[in-house]
């Protein structure tokens, strides 16, 4: 796993996943070691989640599954972007802060200043940030320097010229002189930040990028615009768009956005999806948050990950995540 793609823990996650998923397998399987979630007594109250739009559907699926076990619990989910999660945790207005990127050091510092300890980061699923084109677009693949030259005004990836027309990416005929229509997320989005760091080499977006309020809006924009290109999580893929195969460098083999390439780490825009929580080391979580987290890392919770189009975690990593919030796993 390239350290620039995912942080060290994610690299360990990928390696652990290979032990049960199989690098060559195209099937997305739930680790059989994960336990079935079974409800317990004494769970009631209200939960609120504020954060990632990318994880909005996933948080909803987890909430729906959890509420089947605990119908008297109330869960509210607000997904306006990953940058809304840290301040919500600091202010105490949210119990969970889902994020499609890691917290920035300034965000961690603000939390630690308020509470005297750092927020707890729980990896919950594997995502691939996809570069989408219209389903009729014949392009076979792009390098990240080309992606950078399409979306960024700085071209820090080293491509010699700005790419504004499809012919510059090798398309011919009617496509050759067609201008490329750009779709992306707004700056509150963790996806916006991740793409800026990893695909634009920390460069700035072009002014022509049509910023969308949500991940699905990006995909819908590309689906309705034949000459468009955009980026969004793999869980938002529809039949009306194609995920372009990518290479990290010019001249390298294009890697398809399929599950096995996320698990091996070959796909250059693989990433983790996180939930951040306020957990004081050495204490115990309240029953409501404890059981919701246990559900996320159960067989049902990871099945929800697959249902939403993302990739599940191996049991070893689920066990470690539970341990981080003082929950002793029995698997």
C-alpha atoms as a PDB file:
ATOM      1  CA  UNK A   1       0.000   0.000   0.000  1.00  0.00           C
ATOM      2  CA  UNK A   2       1.372   3.365  -1.005  1.00  0.00           C
ATOM      3  CA  UNK A   3       1.595   5.642   2.062  1.00  0.00           C
ATOM      4  CA  UNK A   4       0.261   8.554   0.000  1.00  0.00           C
ATOM      5  CA  UNK A   5      -2.971   6.698  -0.684  1.00  0.00           C
ATOM      6  CA  UNK A   6      -4.004   5.728   2.819  1.00  0.00           C
ATOM      7  CA  UNK A   7      -2.395   6.185   6.167  1.00  0.00           C
ATOM      8  CA  UNK A   8      -0.488   3.365   7.830  1.00  0.00           C
ATOM      9  CA  UNK A   9      -3.485   1.913   9.651  1.00  0.00           C
ATOM     10  CA  UNK A  10      -5.422   1.676   6.432  1.00  0.00           C
ATOM     11  CA  UNK A  11      -2.480  -0.130   4.886  1.00  0.00           C
ATOM     12  CA  UNK A  12      -2.665  -2.691   7.672  1.00  0.00           C
ATOM     13  CA  UNK A  13      -6.387  -2.961   7.081  1.00  0.00           C
ATOM     14  CA  UNK A  14      -5.877  -3.803   3.430  1.00  0.00           C
ATOM     15  CA  UNK A  15      -3.324  -6.469   4.268  1.00  0.00           C
ATOM     16  CA  UNK A  16      -5.628  -7.981   6.865  1.00  0.00           C
ATOM     17  CA  UNK A  17      -8.491  -7.947   4.412  1.00  0.00           C
ATOM     18  CA  UNK A  18      -6.488 -10.000   1.940  1.00  0.00           C
ATOM     19  CA  UNK A  19      -6.271 -12.849   4.417  1.00  0.00           C
ATOM     20  CA  UNK A  20      -9.983 -13.482   4.103  1.00  0.00           C
ATOM     21  CA  UNK A  21     -11.209 -11.664   0.989  1.00  0.00           C
ATOM     22  CA  UNK A  22      -8.556 -12.859  -1.439  1.00  0.00           C
ATOM     23  CA  UNK A  23      -6.726 -10.463  -3.701  1.00  0.00           C
ATOM     24  CA  UNK A  24      -8.075 -11.984  -6.899  1.00  0.00           C
ATOM     25  CA  UNK A  25     -11.678 -12.259  -5.811  1.00  0.00           C
ATOM     26  CA  UNK A  26     -14.139  -9.825  -7.345  1.00  0.00           C
ATOM     27  CA  UNK A  27     -16.749 -10.681  -4.737  1.00  0.00           C
ATOM     28  CA  UNK A  28     -17.307  -8.466  -1.722  1.00  0.00           C
ATOM     29  CA  UNK A  29     -17.684 -10.769   1.261  1.00  0.00           C
ATOM     30  CA  UNK A  30     -18.378 -10.177   4.915  1.00  0.00           C
ATOM     31  CA  UNK A  31     -15.692 -11.620   7.186  1.00  0.00           C
ATOM     32  CA  UNK A  32     -17.274 -14.795   8.623  1.00  0.00           C
ATOM     33  CA  UNK A  33     -15.559 -14.111  11.960  1.00  0.00           C
ATOM     34  CA  UNK A  34     -17.772 -11.079  12.561  1.00  0.00           C
ATOM     35  CA  UNK A  35     -20.616 -11.751  15.014  1.00  0.00           C
ATOM     36  CA  UNK A  36     -24.333 -11.317  14.486  1.00  0.00           C
ATOM     37  CA  UNK A  37     -25.506  -8.312  16.432  1.00  0.00           C
ATOM     38  CA  UNK A  38     -27.955  -9.181  19.203  1.00  0.00           C
ATOM     39  CA  UNK A  39     -29.852  -6.478  21.123  1.00  0.00           C
ATOM     40  CA  UNK A  40     -29.287  -5.941  24.837  1.00  0.00           C
ATOM     41  CA  UNK A  41     -31.374  -4.325  27.554  1.00  0.00           C
ATOM     42  CA  UNK A  42     -31.079  -0.819  28.937  1.00  0.00           C
ATOM     43  CA  UNK A  43     -30.678   0.987  25.623  1.00  0.00           C
ATOM     44  CA  UNK A  44     -32.746   4.126  25.047  1.00  0.00           C
ATOM     45  CA  UNK A  45     -32.454   7.805  24.184  1.00  0.00           C
ATOM     46  CA  UNK A  46     -31.509   9.986  21.240  1.00  0.00           C
ATOM     47  CA  UNK A  47     -28.517   9.958  18.892  1.00  0.00           C
ATOM     48  CA  UNK A  48     -27.391  12.647  16.487  1.00  0.00           C
ATOM     49  CA  UNK A  49     -24.859  12.306  13.691  1.00  0.00           C
ATOM     50  CA  UNK A  50     -23.388  15.373  11.959  1.00  0.00           C
ATOM     51  CA  UNK A  51     -20.803  15.168   9.207  1.00  0.00           C
ATOM     52  CA  UNK A  52     -20.001  13.587   5.864  1.00  0.00           C
ATOM     53  CA  UNK A  53     -22.421  13.715   2.953  1.00  0.00           C
ATOM     54  CA  UNK A  54     -20.598  10.751   1.418  1.00  0.00           C
ATOM     55  CA  UNK A  55     -21.581   8.685   4.450  1.00  0.00           C
ATOM     56  CA  UNK A  56     -25.143   9.992   4.669  1.00  0.00           C
ATOM     57  CA  UNK A  57     -26.708   6.879   3.126  1.00  0.00           C
ATOM     58  CA  UNK A  58     -24.440   4.600   5.132  1.00  0.00           C
ATOM     59  CA  UNK A  59     -25.296   6.274   8.423  1.00  0.00           C
ATOM     60  CA  UNK A  60     -28.980   5.963   7.457  1.00  0.00           C
ATOM     61  CA  UNK A  61     -28.634   2.242   6.776  1.00  0.00           C
ATOM     62  CA  UNK A  62     -26.902   1.729  10.114  1.00  0.00           C
ATOM     63  CA  UNK A  63     -29.595   3.750  11.850  1.00  0.00           C
ATOM     64  CA  UNK A  64     -32.383   1.752  10.194  1.00  0.00           C
ATOM     65  CA  UNK A  65     -30.798  -1.548  11.173  1.00  0.00           C
ATOM     66  CA  UNK A  66     -30.205  -0.354  14.721  1.00  0.00           C
ATOM     67  CA  UNK A  67     -33.759   0.951  15.093  1.00  0.00           C
ATOM     68  CA  UNK A  68     -35.142  -2.464  14.177  1.00  0.00           C
ATOM     69  CA  UNK A  69     -33.453  -3.687  17.345  1.00  0.00           C
ATOM     70  CA  UNK A  70     -34.352  -0.628  19.424  1.00  0.00           C
ATOM     71  CA  UNK A  71     -37.577   0.946  18.063  1.00  0.00           C
ATOM     72  CA  UNK A  72     -37.805   3.427  20.949  1.00  0.00           C
ATOM     73  CA  UNK A  73     -34.466   5.071  20.130  1.00  0.00           C
ATOM     74  CA  UNK A  74     -34.468   8.299  18.104  1.00  0.00           C
ATOM     75  CA  UNK A  75     -31.658   8.936  15.577  1.00  0.00           C
ATOM     76  CA  UNK A  76     -31.111  12.166  13.635  1.00  0.00           C
ATOM     77  CA  UNK A  77     -28.624  12.300  10.758  1.00  0.00           C
ATOM     78  CA  UNK A  78     -27.279  15.488   9.171  1.00  0.00           C
ATOM     79  CA  UNK A  79     -24.830  15.143   6.294  1.00  0.00           C
ATOM     80  CA  UNK A  80     -23.606  18.470   4.961  1.00  0.00           C
ATOM     81  CA  UNK A  81     -19.897  17.672   4.738  1.00  0.00           C
ATOM     82  CA  UNK A  82     -17.029  16.249   6.762  1.00  0.00           C
ATOM     83  CA  UNK A  83     -15.906  19.678   7.939  1.00  0.00           C
ATOM     84  CA  UNK A  84     -19.129  19.998   9.940  1.00  0.00           C
ATOM     85  CA  UNK A  85     -18.271  16.979  12.109  1.00  0.00           C
ATOM     86  CA  UNK A  86     -15.388  18.321  14.264  1.00  0.00           C
ATOM     87  CA  UNK A  87     -17.161  21.491  15.489  1.00  0.00           C
ATOM     88  CA  UNK A  88     -20.305  19.464  16.202  1.00  0.00           C
ATOM     89  CA  UNK A  89     -18.299  17.090  18.396  1.00  0.00           C
ATOM     90  CA  UNK A  90     -16.558  19.995  20.132  1.00  0.00           C
ATOM     91  CA  UNK A  91     -19.854  21.745  20.868  1.00  0.00           C
ATOM     92  CA  UNK A  92     -21.534  18.528  21.958  1.00  0.00           C
ATOM     93  CA  UNK A  93     -24.338  18.857  19.395  1.00  0.00           C
ATOM     94  CA  UNK A  94     -23.448  15.487  17.823  1.00  0.00           C
ATOM     95  CA  UNK A  95     -22.725  12.048  19.267  1.00  0.00           C
ATOM     96  CA  UNK A  96     -21.054  10.825  16.066  1.00  0.00           C
ATOM     97  CA  UNK A  97     -18.999  12.676  13.464  1.00  0.00           C
ATOM     98  CA  UNK A  98     -18.785  10.673  10.217  1.00  0.00           C
ATOM     99  CA  UNK A  99     -15.962  11.861   7.952  1.00  0.00           C
ATOM    100  CA  UNK A 100     -14.701  10.783   4.542  1.00  0.00           C
ATOM    101  CA  UNK A 101     -11.238  12.089   5.415  1.00  0.00           C
ATOM    102  CA  UNK A 102      -9.039  12.189   8.487  1.00  0.00           C
ATOM    103  CA  UNK A 103      -9.413  15.100  10.878  1.00  0.00           C
ATOM    104  CA  UNK A 104      -6.937  17.881  10.275  1.00  0.00           C
ATOM    105  CA  UNK A 105      -4.469  18.748  13.006  1.00  0.00           C
ATOM    106  CA  UNK A 106      -6.246  22.041  13.708  1.00  0.00           C
ATOM    107  CA  UNK A 107      -9.548  20.190  14.162  1.00  0.00           C
ATOM    108  CA  UNK A 108      -7.943  17.706  16.547  1.00  0.00           C
ATOM    109  CA  UNK A 109      -6.292  20.545  18.459  1.00  0.00           C
ATOM    110  CA  UNK A 110      -9.619  22.358  18.874  1.00  0.00           C
ATOM    111  CA  UNK A 111     -11.195  19.199  20.281  1.00  0.00           C
ATOM    112  CA  UNK A 112      -8.274  18.519  22.616  1.00  0.00           C
ATOM    113  CA  UNK A 113      -8.298  22.107  23.858  1.00  0.00           C
ATOM    114  CA  UNK A 114     -11.952  21.686  24.817  1.00  0.00           C
ATOM    115  CA  UNK A 115     -11.789  18.226  26.419  1.00  0.00           C
ATOM    116  CA  UNK A 116      -8.155  17.532  27.294  1.00  0.00           C
ATOM    117  CA  UNK A 117      -7.895  14.428  25.095  1.00  0.00           C
ATOM    118  CA  UNK A 118      -8.077  13.680  21.370  1.00  0.00           C
ATOM    119  CA  UNK A 119     -11.185  12.536  19.495  1.00  0.00           C
ATOM    120  CA  UNK A 120     -11.332   8.813  18.766  1.00  0.00           C
ATOM    121  CA  UNK A 121     -11.141   7.823  15.108  1.00  0.00           C
ATOM    122  CA  UNK A 122     -12.959   4.652  14.048  1.00  0.00           C
ATOM    123  CA  UNK A 123     -12.398   3.300  10.515  1.00  0.00           C
ATOM    124  CA  UNK A 124     -15.728   1.864   9.382  1.00  0.00           C
ATOM    125  CA  UNK A 125     -15.484   1.008   5.672  1.00  0.00           C
ATOM    126  CA  UNK A 126     -13.293   1.218   2.590  1.00  0.00           C
ATOM    127  CA  UNK A 127     -14.254   3.569  -0.229  1.00  0.00           C
ATOM    128  CA  UNK A 128     -12.812   4.328  -3.633  1.00  0.00           C
ATOM    129  CA  UNK A 129     -13.069   7.904  -4.790  1.00  0.00           C
ATOM    130  CA  UNK A 130     -14.099   7.502  -8.421  1.00  0.00           C
ATOM    131  CA  UNK A 131     -13.642   9.796 -11.394  1.00  0.00           C
ATOM    132  CA  UNK A 132     -16.937   9.576 -13.267  1.00  0.00           C
ATOM    133  CA  UNK A 133     -17.791  10.217 -16.917  1.00  0.00           C
ATOM    134  CA  UNK A 134     -21.018   9.780 -18.875  1.00  0.00           C
ATOM    135  CA  UNK A 135     -21.839   6.161 -19.688  1.00  0.00           C
ATOM    136  CA  UNK A 136     -21.323   6.826 -23.419  1.00  0.00           C
ATOM    137  CA  UNK A 137     -17.847   8.291 -22.942  1.00  0.00           C
ATOM    138  CA  UNK A 138     -15.281   5.925 -24.576  1.00  0.00           C
ATOM    139  CA  UNK A 139     -12.248   6.974 -22.502  1.00  0.00           C
ATOM    140  CA  UNK A 140     -10.269   3.965 -21.256  1.00  0.00           C
ATOM    141  CA  UNK A 141      -8.292   5.511 -18.420  1.00  0.00           C
ATOM    142  CA  UNK A 142      -6.493   8.532 -17.001  1.00  0.00           C
ATOM    143  CA  UNK A 143      -3.343   9.126 -15.002  1.00  0.00           C
ATOM    144  CA  UNK A 144      -3.562  11.270 -11.877  1.00  0.00           C
ATOM    145  CA  UNK A 145      -1.417  13.964 -13.557  1.00  0.00           C
ATOM    146  CA  UNK A 146      -4.081  14.080 -16.292  1.00  0.00           C
ATOM    147  CA  UNK A 147      -6.868  14.243 -13.700  1.00  0.00           C
ATOM    148  CA  UNK A 148      -4.966  17.103 -12.081  1.00  0.00           C
ATOM    149  CA  UNK A 149      -4.628  18.919 -15.415  1.00  0.00           C
ATOM    150  CA  UNK A 150      -8.388  18.571 -15.965  1.00  0.00           C
ATOM    151  CA  UNK A 151      -9.504  19.820 -12.539  1.00  0.00           C
ATOM    152  CA  UNK A 152      -6.686  22.029 -11.211  1.00  0.00           C
ATOM    153  CA  UNK A 153      -5.417  25.425 -12.324  1.00  0.00           C
ATOM    154  CA  UNK A 154      -1.930  24.723 -10.903  1.00  0.00           C
ATOM    155  CA  UNK A 155      -1.052  21.339 -12.518  1.00  0.00           C
ATOM    156  CA  UNK A 156       1.202  20.350  -9.610  1.00  0.00           C
ATOM    157  CA  UNK A 157       1.082  16.787 -10.934  1.00  0.00           C
ATOM    158  CA  UNK A 158       3.421  17.840 -13.724  1.00  0.00           C
ATOM    159  CA  UNK A 159       1.256  17.517 -16.831  1.00  0.00           C
ATOM    160  CA  UNK A 160       2.655  19.952 -19.448  1.00  0.00           C
ATOM    161  CA  UNK A 161      -0.626  21.679 -20.329  1.00  0.00           C
ATOM    162  CA  UNK A 162      -4.107  22.323 -19.022  1.00  0.00           C
ATOM    163  CA  UNK A 163      -6.617  19.785 -20.303  1.00  0.00           C
ATOM    164  CA  UNK A 164      -9.853  21.409 -21.422  1.00  0.00           C
ATOM    165  CA  UNK A 165     -11.041  19.252 -24.353  1.00  0.00           C
ATOM    166  CA  UNK A 166     -11.623  15.535 -24.657  1.00  0.00           C
ATOM    167  CA  UNK A 167      -9.255  15.218 -27.618  1.00  0.00           C
ATOM    168  CA  UNK A 168      -6.368  15.991 -25.244  1.00  0.00           C
ATOM    169  CA  UNK A 169      -7.216  12.728 -23.465  1.00  0.00           C
ATOM    170  CA  UNK A 170      -7.083  10.717 -26.702  1.00  0.00           C
ATOM    171  CA  UNK A 171     -10.724  10.828 -27.753  1.00  0.00           C
ATOM    172  CA  UNK A 172     -11.421  11.233 -31.471  1.00  0.00           C
ATOM    173  CA  UNK A 173     -14.274  12.052 -33.821  1.00  0.00           C
ATOM    174  CA  UNK A 174     -17.100  14.140 -32.408  1.00  0.00           C
ATOM    175  CA  UNK A 175     -15.517  13.963 -28.924  1.00  0.00           C
ATOM    176  CA  UNK A 176     -12.170  15.490 -29.876  1.00  0.00           C
ATOM    177  CA  UNK A 177     -13.087  19.183 -29.781  1.00  0.00           C
ATOM    178  CA  UNK A 178     -15.779  18.967 -27.129  1.00  0.00           C
ATOM    179  CA  UNK A 179     -14.982  21.010 -24.003  1.00  0.00           C
ATOM    180  CA  UNK A 180     -14.837  19.072 -20.754  1.00  0.00           C
ATOM    181  CA  UNK A 181     -17.588  20.034 -18.304  1.00  0.00           C
ATOM    182  CA  UNK A 182     -16.380  19.834 -14.689  1.00  0.00           C
ATOM    183  CA  UNK A 183     -18.415  18.760 -11.648  1.00  0.00           C
ATOM    184  CA  UNK A 184     -17.181  18.567  -8.052  1.00  0.00           C
ATOM    185  CA  UNK A 185     -18.045  19.037  -4.400  1.00  0.00           C
ATOM    186  CA  UNK A 186     -18.052  22.168  -2.253  1.00  0.00           C
ATOM    187  CA  UNK A 187     -15.309  23.012   0.219  1.00  0.00           C
ATOM    188  CA  UNK A 188     -17.229  21.687   3.241  1.00  0.00           C
ATOM    189  CA  UNK A 189     -16.884  18.192   1.810  1.00  0.00           C
ATOM    190  CA  UNK A 190     -14.260  15.703   2.909  1.00  0.00           C
ATOM    191  CA  UNK A 191     -14.350  14.351  -0.638  1.00  0.00           C
ATOM    192  CA  UNK A 192     -13.412  17.840  -1.905  1.00  0.00           C
ATOM    193  CA  UNK A 193     -10.448  17.909   0.475  1.00  0.00           C
ATOM    194  CA  UNK A 194      -9.323  14.356  -0.241  1.00  0.00           C
ATOM    195  CA  UNK A 195      -9.475  14.879  -4.013  1.00  0.00           C
ATOM    196  CA  UNK A 196      -7.588  18.175  -3.673  1.00  0.00           C
ATOM    197  CA  UNK A 197      -4.799  16.506  -1.700  1.00  0.00           C
ATOM    198  CA  UNK A 198      -4.445  13.215  -3.574  1.00  0.00           C
ATOM    199  CA  UNK A 199      -5.633  13.907  -7.135  1.00  0.00           C
ATOM    200  CA  UNK A 200      -4.704  17.589  -7.450  1.00  0.00           C
ATOM    201  CA  UNK A 201      -1.416  17.222  -5.536  1.00  0.00           C
ATOM    202  CA  UNK A 202      -2.670  19.923  -3.108  1.00  0.00           C
ATOM    203  CA  UNK A 203      -3.311  22.333  -5.975  1.00  0.00           C
ATOM    204  CA  UNK A 204      -6.343  24.589  -6.415  1.00  0.00           C
ATOM    205  CA  UNK A 205      -9.500  23.734  -8.309  1.00  0.00           C
ATOM    206  CA  UNK A 206     -10.284  25.489 -11.558  1.00  0.00           C
ATOM    207  CA  UNK A 207     -12.955  28.183 -11.322  1.00  0.00           C
ATOM    208  CA  UNK A 208     -14.947  26.265 -13.940  1.00  0.00           C
ATOM    209  CA  UNK A 209     -15.723  23.363 -11.575  1.00  0.00           C
ATOM    210  CA  UNK A 210     -19.460  23.325 -10.908  1.00  0.00           C
ATOM    211  CA  UNK A 211     -19.620  22.740  -7.152  1.00  0.00           C
ATOM    212  CA  UNK A 212     -22.414  20.450  -6.000  1.00  0.00           C
ATOM    213  CA  UNK A 213     -23.969  20.215  -2.526  1.00  0.00           C
ATOM    214  CA  UNK A 214     -23.830  16.426  -2.368  1.00  0.00           C
ATOM    215  CA  UNK A 215     -22.139  13.309  -3.714  1.00  0.00           C
ATOM    216  CA  UNK A 216     -25.235  12.144  -5.591  1.00  0.00           C
ATOM    217  CA  UNK A 217     -25.574  15.600  -7.186  1.00  0.00           C
ATOM    218  CA  UNK A 218     -22.134  15.196  -8.774  1.00  0.00           C
ATOM    219  CA  UNK A 219     -23.083  11.853 -10.273  1.00  0.00           C
ATOM    220  CA  UNK A 220     -26.437  13.191 -11.468  1.00  0.00           C
ATOM    221  CA  UNK A 221     -24.686  16.127 -13.095  1.00  0.00           C
ATOM    222  CA  UNK A 222     -22.300  13.847 -14.986  1.00  0.00           C
ATOM    223  CA  UNK A 223     -25.162  11.525 -15.964  1.00  0.00           C
ATOM    224  CA  UNK A 224     -27.104  14.400 -17.518  1.00  0.00           C
ATOM    225  CA  UNK A 225     -24.123  16.016 -19.287  1.00  0.00           C
ATOM    226  CA  UNK A 226     -22.564  13.853 -22.000  1.00  0.00           C
ATOM    227  CA  UNK A 227     -19.254  15.722 -21.983  1.00  0.00           C
ATOM    228  CA  UNK A 228     -18.902  15.956 -18.205  1.00  0.00           C
ATOM    229  CA  UNK A 229     -16.438  14.579 -15.696  1.00  0.00           C
ATOM    230  CA  UNK A 230     -16.755  14.565 -11.914  1.00  0.00           C
ATOM    231  CA  UNK A 231     -15.614  12.825  -8.747  1.00  0.00           C
ATOM    232  CA  UNK A 232     -17.555  11.088  -5.979  1.00  0.00           C
ATOM    233  CA  UNK A 233     -17.505   7.990  -3.782  1.00  0.00           C
ATOM    234  CA  UNK A 234     -17.896   4.598  -5.434  1.00  0.00           C
ATOM    235  CA  UNK A 235     -21.090   4.023  -3.442  1.00  0.00           C
ATOM    236  CA  UNK A 236     -22.837   6.652  -5.573  1.00  0.00           C
ATOM    237  CA  UNK A 237     -22.171   4.957  -8.910  1.00  0.00           C
ATOM    238  CA  UNK A 238     -25.218   4.513 -11.146  1.00  0.00           C
ATOM    239  CA  UNK A 239     -25.883   2.864 -14.499  1.00  0.00           C
ATOM    240  CA  UNK A 240     -25.742   6.276 -16.187  1.00  0.00           C
ATOM    241  CA  UNK A 241     -22.051   6.902 -15.443  1.00  0.00           C
ATOM    242  CA  UNK A 242     -18.729   5.078 -15.756  1.00  0.00           C
ATOM    243  CA  UNK A 243     -15.892   5.041 -13.234  1.00  0.00           C
ATOM    244  CA  UNK A 244     -12.669   5.740 -15.141  1.00  0.00           C
ATOM    245  CA  UNK A 245      -9.713   3.416 -14.531  1.00  0.00           C
ATOM    246  CA  UNK A 246      -6.798   5.381 -13.041  1.00  0.00           C
ATOM    247  CA  UNK A 247      -3.027   5.173 -12.752  1.00  0.00           C
ATOM    248  CA  UNK A 248      -0.952   6.948 -10.128  1.00  0.00           C
ATOM    249  CA  UNK A 249       1.665   8.079 -12.637  1.00  0.00           C
ATOM    250  CA  UNK A 250       1.908   8.750 -16.367  1.00  0.00           C
ATOM    251  CA  UNK A 251       2.644   5.587 -18.330  1.00  0.00           C
ATOM    252  CA  UNK A 252       1.540   3.158 -15.624  1.00  0.00           C
ATOM    253  CA  UNK A 253      -1.197   0.561 -16.058  1.00  0.00           C
ATOM    254  CA  UNK A 254      -4.730   1.849 -15.507  1.00  0.00           C
ATOM    255  CA  UNK A 255      -6.367   0.317 -12.437  1.00  0.00           C
ATOM    256  CA  UNK A 256     -10.131  -0.242 -12.468  1.00  0.00           C
ATOM    257  CA  UNK A 257     -12.324   0.961  -9.598  1.00  0.00           C
ATOM    258  CA  UNK A 258     -13.364  -2.547  -8.514  1.00  0.00           C
ATOM    259  CA  UNK A 259     -13.298  -4.176  -5.044  1.00  0.00           C
ATOM    260  CA  UNK A 260     -10.174  -6.293  -5.397  1.00  0.00           C
ATOM    261  CA  UNK A 261      -8.137  -3.230  -6.354  1.00  0.00           C
ATOM    262  CA  UNK A 262      -9.320  -1.417  -3.230  1.00  0.00           C
ATOM    263  CA  UNK A 263      -8.281  -4.315  -1.001  1.00  0.00           C
ATOM    264  CA  UNK A 264      -4.861  -4.680  -2.609  1.00  0.00           C
ATOM    265  CA  UNK A 265      -4.319  -0.927  -2.548  1.00  0.00           C
ATOM    266  CA  UNK A 266      -3.553  -0.784  -6.276  1.00  0.00           C
ATOM    267  CA  UNK A 267      -6.343   1.696  -6.984  1.00  0.00           C
ATOM    268  CA  UNK A 268      -4.731   5.098  -6.364  1.00  0.00           C
ATOM    269  CA  UNK A 269      -7.744   6.824  -4.758  1.00  0.00           C
ATOM    270  CA  UNK A 270      -8.733   4.210  -2.168  1.00  0.00           C
ATOM    271  CA  UNK A 271      -9.606   5.737   1.201  1.00  0.00           C
ATOM    272  CA  UNK A 272     -11.157   5.044   4.567  1.00  0.00           C
ATOM    273  CA  UNK A 273     -14.535   6.229   5.815  1.00  0.00           C
ATOM    274  CA  UNK A 274     -14.456   7.166   9.506  1.00  0.00           C
ATOM    275  CA  UNK A 275     -16.699   7.847  12.442  1.00  0.00           C
ATOM    276  CA  UNK A 276     -15.215  10.139  15.104  1.00  0.00           C
ATOM    277  CA  UNK A 277     -16.492   9.983  18.673  1.00  0.00           C
ATOM    278  CA  UNK A 278     -15.865  11.776  21.939  1.00  0.00           C
ATOM    279  CA  UNK A 279     -14.465   9.038  24.169  1.00  0.00           C
ATOM    280  CA  UNK A 280     -12.448   9.836  27.260  1.00  0.00           C
ATOM    281  CA  UNK A 281      -9.745   7.178  27.695  1.00  0.00           C
ATOM    282  CA  UNK A 282     -10.244   4.970  30.728  1.00  0.00           C
ATOM    283  CA  UNK A 283     -14.009   5.514  30.872  1.00  0.00           C
ATOM    284  CA  UNK A 284     -16.988   3.608  29.523  1.00  0.00           C
ATOM    285  CA  UNK A 285     -19.314   4.679  26.726  1.00  0.00           C
ATOM    286  CA  UNK A 286     -22.972   5.166  27.533  1.00  0.00           C
ATOM    287  CA  UNK A 287     -25.076   2.125  26.474  1.00  0.00           C
ATOM    288  CA  UNK A 288     -26.639   3.850  23.471  1.00  0.00           C
ATOM    289  CA  UNK A 289     -23.407   4.882  21.772  1.00  0.00           C
ATOM    290  CA  UNK A 290     -21.744   1.620  22.785  1.00  0.00           C
ATOM    291  CA  UNK A 291     -24.414  -0.508  21.154  1.00  0.00           C
ATOM    292  CA  UNK A 292     -24.584   1.584  17.998  1.00  0.00           C
ATOM    293  CA  UNK A 293     -20.838   1.176  17.555  1.00  0.00           C
ATOM    294  CA  UNK A 294     -21.120  -2.554  18.248  1.00  0.00           C
ATOM    295  CA  UNK A 295     -23.778  -2.727  15.516  1.00  0.00           C
ATOM    296  CA  UNK A 296     -21.531  -0.933  12.989  1.00  0.00           C
ATOM    297  CA  UNK A 297     -18.797  -3.524  13.536  1.00  0.00           C
ATOM    298  CA  UNK A 298     -21.132  -6.524  13.463  1.00  0.00           C
ATOM    299  CA  UNK A 299     -22.075  -8.771  10.562  1.00  0.00           C
ATOM    300  CA  UNK A 300     -25.233  -6.721   9.967  1.00  0.00           C
ATOM    301  CA  UNK A 301     -23.387  -3.408  10.141  1.00  0.00           C
ATOM    302  CA  UNK A 302     -20.753  -4.476   7.629  1.00  0.00           C
ATOM    303  CA  UNK A 303     -23.494  -5.927   5.409  1.00  0.00           C
ATOM    304  CA  UNK A 304     -24.926  -2.406   5.341  1.00  0.00           C
ATOM    305  CA  UNK A 305     -21.507  -1.231   4.109  1.00  0.00           C
ATOM    306  CA  UNK A 306     -21.768  -3.628   1.166  1.00  0.00           C
ATOM    307  CA  UNK A 307     -25.400  -2.668   0.528  1.00  0.00           C
ATOM    308  CA  UNK A 308     -24.343   0.969   0.167  1.00  0.00           C
ATOM    309  CA  UNK A 309     -21.678   0.083  -2.388  1.00  0.00           C
ATOM    310  CA  UNK A 310     -18.605   0.316  -0.140  1.00  0.00           C
ATOM    311  CA  UNK A 311     -16.249  -2.410   1.071  1.00  0.00           C
ATOM    312  CA  UNK A 312     -16.397  -4.116   4.481  1.00  0.00           C
ATOM    313  CA  UNK A 313     -13.681  -4.424   7.101  1.00  0.00           C
ATOM    314  CA  UNK A 314     -12.007  -7.620   8.291  1.00  0.00           C
ATOM    315  CA  UNK A 315     -12.770  -8.859  11.800  1.00  0.00           C
ATOM    316  CA  UNK A 316      -9.289  -7.999  13.083  1.00  0.00           C
ATOM    317  CA  UNK A 317      -9.758  -4.317  12.300  1.00  0.00           C
ATOM    318  CA  UNK A 318     -13.306  -4.289  13.680  1.00  0.00           C
ATOM    319  CA  UNK A 319     -11.942  -5.764  16.905  1.00  0.00           C
ATOM    320  CA  UNK A 320      -9.270  -3.078  17.148  1.00  0.00           C
ATOM    321  CA  UNK A 321     -11.820  -0.336  16.495  1.00  0.00           C
ATOM    322  CA  UNK A 322     -14.021  -1.587  19.335  1.00  0.00           C
ATOM    323  CA  UNK A 323     -10.998  -1.706  21.615  1.00  0.00           C
ATOM    324  CA  UNK A 324     -10.302   1.991  20.924  1.00  0.00           C
ATOM    325  CA  UNK A 325     -13.586   2.913  22.653  1.00  0.00           C
ATOM    326  CA  UNK A 326     -13.228   0.437  25.514  1.00  0.00           C
ATOM    327  CA  UNK A 327     -15.418  -2.333  24.080  1.00  0.00           C
ATOM    328  CA  UNK A 328     -14.074  -5.842  24.598  1.00  0.00           C
ATOM    329  CA  UNK A 329     -14.873  -7.868  21.485  1.00  0.00           C
ATOM    330  CA  UNK A 330     -15.926 -11.493  21.867  1.00  0.00           C
ATOM    331  CA  UNK A 331     -14.867 -12.564  18.365  1.00  0.00           C
END
